[in-house]
């Protein structure tokens, strides 16, 4: 998986749409990766998320 999923939450979950067991990933360090599918996650602030959403539109 090449996309990085950005979240304002400190903990996210991943199951790859039911393809592997549900796991929770701690983003307190600023980033994390699923041990099963390799999906990467990045913690972002609400302000950064809003700016990126506006820029993409």
PDB file of N, CA and C in Angstrom:
ATOM      1  N   UNK A   1       0.852  -1.190   0.000  1.00  0.00           N
ATOM      2  CA  UNK A   1       0.000   0.000   0.000  1.00  0.00           C
ATOM      3  C   UNK A   1       0.886   1.239   0.000  1.00  0.00           C
ATOM      4  N   UNK A   2       0.625   2.136  -0.894  1.00  0.00           N
ATOM      5  CA  UNK A   2       1.468   3.299  -1.006  1.00  0.00           C
ATOM      6  C   UNK A   2       0.915   4.546  -0.342  1.00  0.00           C
ATOM      7  N   UNK A   3      -0.374   4.570  -0.056  1.00  0.00           N
ATOM      8  CA  UNK A   3      -0.975   5.761   0.522  1.00  0.00           C
ATOM      9  C   UNK A   3      -0.764   5.803   2.023  1.00  0.00           C
ATOM     10  N   UNK A   4      -0.556   7.006   2.529  1.00  0.00           N
ATOM     11  CA  UNK A   4      -0.471   7.221   3.968  1.00  0.00           C
ATOM     12  C   UNK A   4      -1.809   7.803   4.404  1.00  0.00           C
ATOM     13  N   UNK A   5      -2.443   7.170   5.369  1.00  0.00           N
ATOM     14  CA  UNK A   5      -3.717   7.653   5.882  1.00  0.00           C
ATOM     15  C   UNK A   5      -3.429   8.611   7.019  1.00  0.00           C
ATOM     16  N   UNK A   6      -3.964   9.814   6.919  1.00  0.00           N
ATOM     17  CA  UNK A   6      -3.746  10.829   7.950  1.00  0.00           C
ATOM     18  C   UNK A   6      -4.943  10.862   8.877  1.00  0.00           C
ATOM     19  N   UNK A   7      -4.668  11.017  10.183  1.00  0.00           N
ATOM     20  CA  UNK A   7      -5.726  11.011  11.185  1.00  0.00           C
ATOM     21  C   UNK A   7      -5.402  12.008  12.284  1.00  0.00           C
ATOM     22  N   UNK A   8      -6.444  12.616  12.833  1.00  0.00           N
ATOM     23  CA  UNK A   8      -6.254  13.502  13.979  1.00  0.00           C
ATOM     24  C   UNK A   8      -6.324  12.714  15.284  1.00  0.00           C
ATOM     25  N   UNK A   9      -6.669  11.434  15.211  1.00  0.00           N
ATOM     26  CA  UNK A   9      -6.768  10.579  16.400  1.00  0.00           C
ATOM     27  C   UNK A   9      -5.390  10.051  16.790  1.00  0.00           C
ATOM     28  N   UNK A  10      -5.210   9.741  18.087  1.00  0.00           N
ATOM     29  CA  UNK A  10      -3.939   9.181  18.550  1.00  0.00           C
ATOM     30  C   UNK A  10      -3.883   7.671  18.365  1.00  0.00           C
ATOM     31  N   UNK A  11      -5.041   7.035  18.217  1.00  0.00           N
ATOM     32  CA  UNK A  11      -5.098   5.590  18.001  1.00  0.00           C
ATOM     33  C   UNK A  11      -6.037   5.323  16.827  1.00  0.00           C
ATOM     34  N   UNK A  12      -5.573   4.535  15.865  1.00  0.00           N
ATOM     35  CA  UNK A  12      -6.389   4.168  14.709  1.00  0.00           C
ATOM     36  C   UNK A  12      -6.483   2.644  14.651  1.00  0.00           C
ATOM     37  N   UNK A  13      -7.436   2.144  13.862  1.00  0.00           N
ATOM     38  CA  UNK A  13      -7.570   0.697  13.709  1.00  0.00           C
ATOM     39  C   UNK A  13      -7.404   0.331  12.240  1.00  0.00           C
ATOM     40  N   UNK A  14      -7.000  -0.919  12.016  1.00  0.00           N
ATOM     41  CA  UNK A  14      -6.830  -1.415  10.654  1.00  0.00           C
ATOM     42  C   UNK A  14      -7.227  -2.881  10.619  1.00  0.00           C
ATOM     43  N   UNK A  15      -7.993  -3.262   9.595  1.00  0.00           N
ATOM     44  CA  UNK A  15      -8.307  -4.674   9.354  1.00  0.00           C
ATOM     45  C   UNK A  15      -8.214  -4.983   7.858  1.00  0.00           C
ATOM     46  N   UNK A  16      -7.796  -3.985   7.060  1.00  0.00           N
ATOM     47  CA  UNK A  16      -7.707  -4.131   5.608  1.00  0.00           C
ATOM     48  C   UNK A  16      -8.999  -4.701   5.049  1.00  0.00           C
ATOM     49  N   UNK A  17     -10.106  -4.082   5.454  1.00  0.00           N
ATOM     50  CA  UNK A  17     -11.449  -4.499   5.027  1.00  0.00           C
ATOM     51  C   UNK A  17     -11.728  -5.969   5.328  1.00  0.00           C
ATOM     52  N   UNK A  18     -11.308  -6.411   6.511  1.00  0.00           N
ATOM     53  CA  UNK A  18     -11.577  -7.777   6.943  1.00  0.00           C
ATOM     54  C   UNK A  18     -10.571  -8.803   6.448  1.00  0.00           C
ATOM     55  N   UNK A  19      -9.508  -8.357   5.823  1.00  0.00           N
ATOM     56  CA  UNK A  19      -8.502  -9.276   5.285  1.00  0.00           C
ATOM     57  C   UNK A  19      -7.530  -9.796   6.340  1.00  0.00           C
ATOM     58  N   UNK A  20      -7.472  -9.134   7.493  1.00  0.00           N
ATOM     59  CA  UNK A  20      -6.638  -9.596   8.595  1.00  0.00           C
ATOM     60  C   UNK A  20      -7.289  -9.204   9.907  1.00  0.00           C
ATOM     61  N   UNK A  21      -6.810  -9.722  11.039  1.00  0.00           N
ATOM     62  CA  UNK A  21      -7.417  -9.369  12.333  1.00  0.00           C
ATOM     63  C   UNK A  21      -7.369  -7.861  12.581  1.00  0.00           C
ATOM     64  N   UNK A  22      -8.362  -7.364  13.276  1.00  0.00           N
ATOM     65  CA  UNK A  22      -8.423  -5.948  13.634  1.00  0.00           C
ATOM     66  C   UNK A  22      -7.301  -5.629  14.605  1.00  0.00           C
ATOM     67  N   UNK A  23      -6.512  -4.617  14.287  1.00  0.00           N
ATOM     68  CA  UNK A  23      -5.432  -4.176  15.169  1.00  0.00           C
ATOM     69  C   UNK A  23      -5.581  -2.683  15.406  1.00  0.00           C
ATOM     70  N   UNK A  24      -5.085  -2.231  16.541  1.00  0.00           N
ATOM     71  CA  UNK A  24      -5.076  -0.818  16.887  1.00  0.00           C
ATOM     72  C   UNK A  24      -3.645  -0.325  16.841  1.00  0.00           C
ATOM     73  N   UNK A  25      -3.459   0.846  16.264  1.00  0.00           N
ATOM     74  CA  UNK A  25      -2.122   1.395  16.050  1.00  0.00           C
ATOM     75  C   UNK A  25      -2.020   2.733  16.759  1.00  0.00           C
ATOM     76  N   UNK A  26      -1.006   2.865  17.605  1.00  0.00           N
ATOM     77  CA  UNK A  26      -0.767   4.074  18.381  1.00  0.00           C
ATOM     78  C   UNK A  26      -0.020   5.083  17.512  1.00  0.00           C
ATOM     79  N   UNK A  27      -0.597   6.277  17.361  1.00  0.00           N
ATOM     80  CA  UNK A  27       0.043   7.319  16.557  1.00  0.00           C
ATOM     81  C   UNK A  27       0.663   8.414  17.420  1.00  0.00           C
ATOM     82  N   UNK A  28       0.807   8.180  18.720  1.00  0.00           N
ATOM     83  CA  UNK A  28       1.409   9.197  19.592  1.00  0.00           C
ATOM     84  C   UNK A  28       2.804   9.609  19.122  1.00  0.00           C
ATOM     85  N   UNK A  29       3.618   8.696  18.560  1.00  0.00           N
ATOM     86  CA  UNK A  29       4.928   9.118  18.048  1.00  0.00           C
ATOM     87  C   UNK A  29       4.819   9.990  16.785  1.00  0.00           C
ATOM     88  N   UNK A  30       3.616  10.075  16.204  1.00  0.00           N
ATOM     89  CA  UNK A  30       3.425  10.868  14.996  1.00  0.00           C
ATOM     90  C   UNK A  30       3.126  10.021  13.779  1.00  0.00           C
ATOM     91  N   UNK A  31       3.407   8.724  13.862  1.00  0.00           N
ATOM     92  CA  UNK A  31       3.170   7.834  12.730  1.00  0.00           C
ATOM     93  C   UNK A  31       3.077   6.398  13.236  1.00  0.00           C
ATOM     94  N   UNK A  32       2.605   5.506  12.378  1.00  0.00           N
ATOM     95  CA  UNK A  32       2.516   4.091  12.714  1.00  0.00           C
ATOM     96  C   UNK A  32       2.257   3.284  11.462  1.00  0.00           C
ATOM     97  N   UNK A  33       2.415   1.959  11.587  1.00  0.00           N
ATOM     98  CA  UNK A  33       2.229   1.083  10.438  1.00  0.00           C
ATOM     99  C   UNK A  33       1.587  -0.216  10.898  1.00  0.00           C
ATOM    100  N   UNK A  34       0.655  -0.725  10.103  1.00  0.00           N
ATOM    101  CA  UNK A  34      -0.015  -1.986  10.405  1.00  0.00           C
ATOM    102  C   UNK A  34       0.973  -3.141  10.258  1.00  0.00           C
ATOM    103  N   UNK A  35       1.022  -4.007  11.272  1.00  0.00           N
ATOM    104  CA  UNK A  35       1.944  -5.139  11.235  1.00  0.00           C
ATOM    105  C   UNK A  35       1.532  -6.224  10.250  1.00  0.00           C
ATOM    106  N   UNK A  36       0.265  -6.223   9.823  1.00  0.00           N
ATOM    107  CA  UNK A  36      -0.214  -7.242   8.891  1.00  0.00           C
ATOM    108  C   UNK A  36      -0.101  -6.812   7.435  1.00  0.00           C
ATOM    109  N   UNK A  37      -0.672  -5.652   7.101  1.00  0.00           N
ATOM    110  CA  UNK A  37      -0.734  -5.255   5.690  1.00  0.00           C
ATOM    111  C   UNK A  37       0.249  -4.149   5.320  1.00  0.00           C
ATOM    112  N   UNK A  38       0.880  -3.537   6.313  1.00  0.00           N
ATOM    113  CA  UNK A  38       1.868  -2.501   6.022  1.00  0.00           C
ATOM    114  C   UNK A  38       1.293  -1.119   5.784  1.00  0.00           C
ATOM    115  N   UNK A  39      -0.033  -0.973   5.921  1.00  0.00           N
ATOM    116  CA  UNK A  39      -0.651   0.343   5.735  1.00  0.00           C
ATOM    117  C   UNK A  39      -0.009   1.331   6.702  1.00  0.00           C
ATOM    118  N   UNK A  40       0.344   2.510   6.191  1.00  0.00           N
ATOM    119  CA  UNK A  40       0.980   3.525   7.033  1.00  0.00           C
ATOM    120  C   UNK A  40      -0.043   4.591   7.426  1.00  0.00           C
ATOM    121  N   UNK A  41       0.104   5.075   8.637  1.00  0.00           N
ATOM    122  CA  UNK A  41      -0.770   6.100   9.200  1.00  0.00           C
ATOM    123  C   UNK A  41       0.089   7.228   9.749  1.00  0.00           C
ATOM    124  N   UNK A  42      -0.431   8.455   9.665  1.00  0.00           N
ATOM    125  CA  UNK A  42       0.281   9.619  10.174  1.00  0.00           C
ATOM    126  C   UNK A  42      -0.681  10.468  10.984  1.00  0.00           C
ATOM    127  N   UNK A  43      -0.234  10.896  12.152  1.00  0.00           N
ATOM    128  CA  UNK A  43      -1.054  11.785  12.987  1.00  0.00           C
ATOM    129  C   UNK A  43      -0.907  13.203  12.472  1.00  0.00           C
ATOM    130  N   UNK A  44      -2.022  13.874  12.352  1.00  0.00           N
ATOM    131  CA  UNK A  44      -2.024  15.253  11.888  1.00  0.00           C
ATOM    132  C   UNK A  44      -2.920  16.077  12.804  1.00  0.00           C
ATOM    133  N   UNK A  45      -2.738  17.369  12.797  1.00  0.00           N
ATOM    134  CA  UNK A  45      -3.590  18.237  13.604  1.00  0.00           C
ATOM    135  C   UNK A  45      -4.846  18.574  12.806  1.00  0.00           C
ATOM    136  N   UNK A  46      -5.869  19.027  13.484  1.00  0.00           N
ATOM    137  CA  UNK A  46      -7.116  19.402  12.803  1.00  0.00           C
ATOM    138  C   UNK A  46      -6.853  20.540  11.821  1.00  0.00           C
ATOM    139  N   UNK A  47      -5.971  21.474  12.177  1.00  0.00           N
ATOM    140  CA  UNK A  47      -5.666  22.605  11.297  1.00  0.00           C
ATOM    141  C   UNK A  47      -4.969  22.126  10.027  1.00  0.00           C
ATOM    142  N   UNK A  48      -4.029  21.200  10.159  1.00  0.00           N
ATOM    143  CA  UNK A  48      -3.315  20.672   8.997  1.00  0.00           C
ATOM    144  C   UNK A  48      -4.272  19.906   8.096  1.00  0.00           C
ATOM    145  N   UNK A  49      -5.156  19.107   8.683  1.00  0.00           N
ATOM    146  CA  UNK A  49      -6.124  18.336   7.903  1.00  0.00           C
ATOM    147  C   UNK A  49      -7.032  19.268   7.109  1.00  0.00           C
ATOM    148  N   UNK A  50      -7.478  20.350   7.721  1.00  0.00           N
ATOM    149  CA  UNK A  50      -8.347  21.310   7.050  1.00  0.00           C
ATOM    150  C   UNK A  50      -7.612  21.975   5.894  1.00  0.00           C
ATOM    151  N   UNK A  51      -6.355  22.353   6.103  1.00  0.00           N
ATOM    152  CA  UNK A  51      -5.548  22.997   5.048  1.00  0.00           C
ATOM    153  C   UNK A  51      -5.348  22.054   3.876  1.00  0.00           C
ATOM    154  N   UNK A  52      -5.019  20.780   4.154  1.00  0.00           N
ATOM    155  CA  UNK A  52      -4.783  19.814   3.087  1.00  0.00           C
ATOM    156  C   UNK A  52      -6.073  19.543   2.310  1.00  0.00           C
ATOM    157  N   UNK A  53      -7.192  19.512   3.008  1.00  0.00           N
ATOM    158  CA  UNK A  53      -8.470  19.269   2.361  1.00  0.00           C
ATOM    159  C   UNK A  53      -8.816  20.431   1.432  1.00  0.00           C
ATOM    160  N   UNK A  54      -8.565  21.659   1.861  1.00  0.00           N
ATOM    161  CA  UNK A  54      -8.837  22.839   1.047  1.00  0.00           C
ATOM    162  C   UNK A  54      -7.922  22.876  -0.161  1.00  0.00           C
ATOM    163  N   UNK A  55      -6.651  22.530   0.035  1.00  0.00           N
ATOM    164  CA  UNK A  55      -5.676  22.550  -1.060  1.00  0.00           C
ATOM    165  C   UNK A  55      -6.009  21.520  -2.123  1.00  0.00           C
ATOM    166  N   UNK A  56      -6.517  20.355  -1.706  1.00  0.00           N
ATOM    167  CA  UNK A  56      -6.827  19.284  -2.647  1.00  0.00           C
ATOM    168  C   UNK A  56      -8.079  19.576  -3.477  1.00  0.00           C
ATOM    169  N   UNK A  57      -8.939  20.438  -3.001  1.00  0.00           N
ATOM    170  CA  UNK A  57     -10.211  20.693  -3.680  1.00  0.00           C
ATOM    171  C   UNK A  57     -10.064  21.573  -4.900  1.00  0.00           C
TER     172      UNK A  57
END
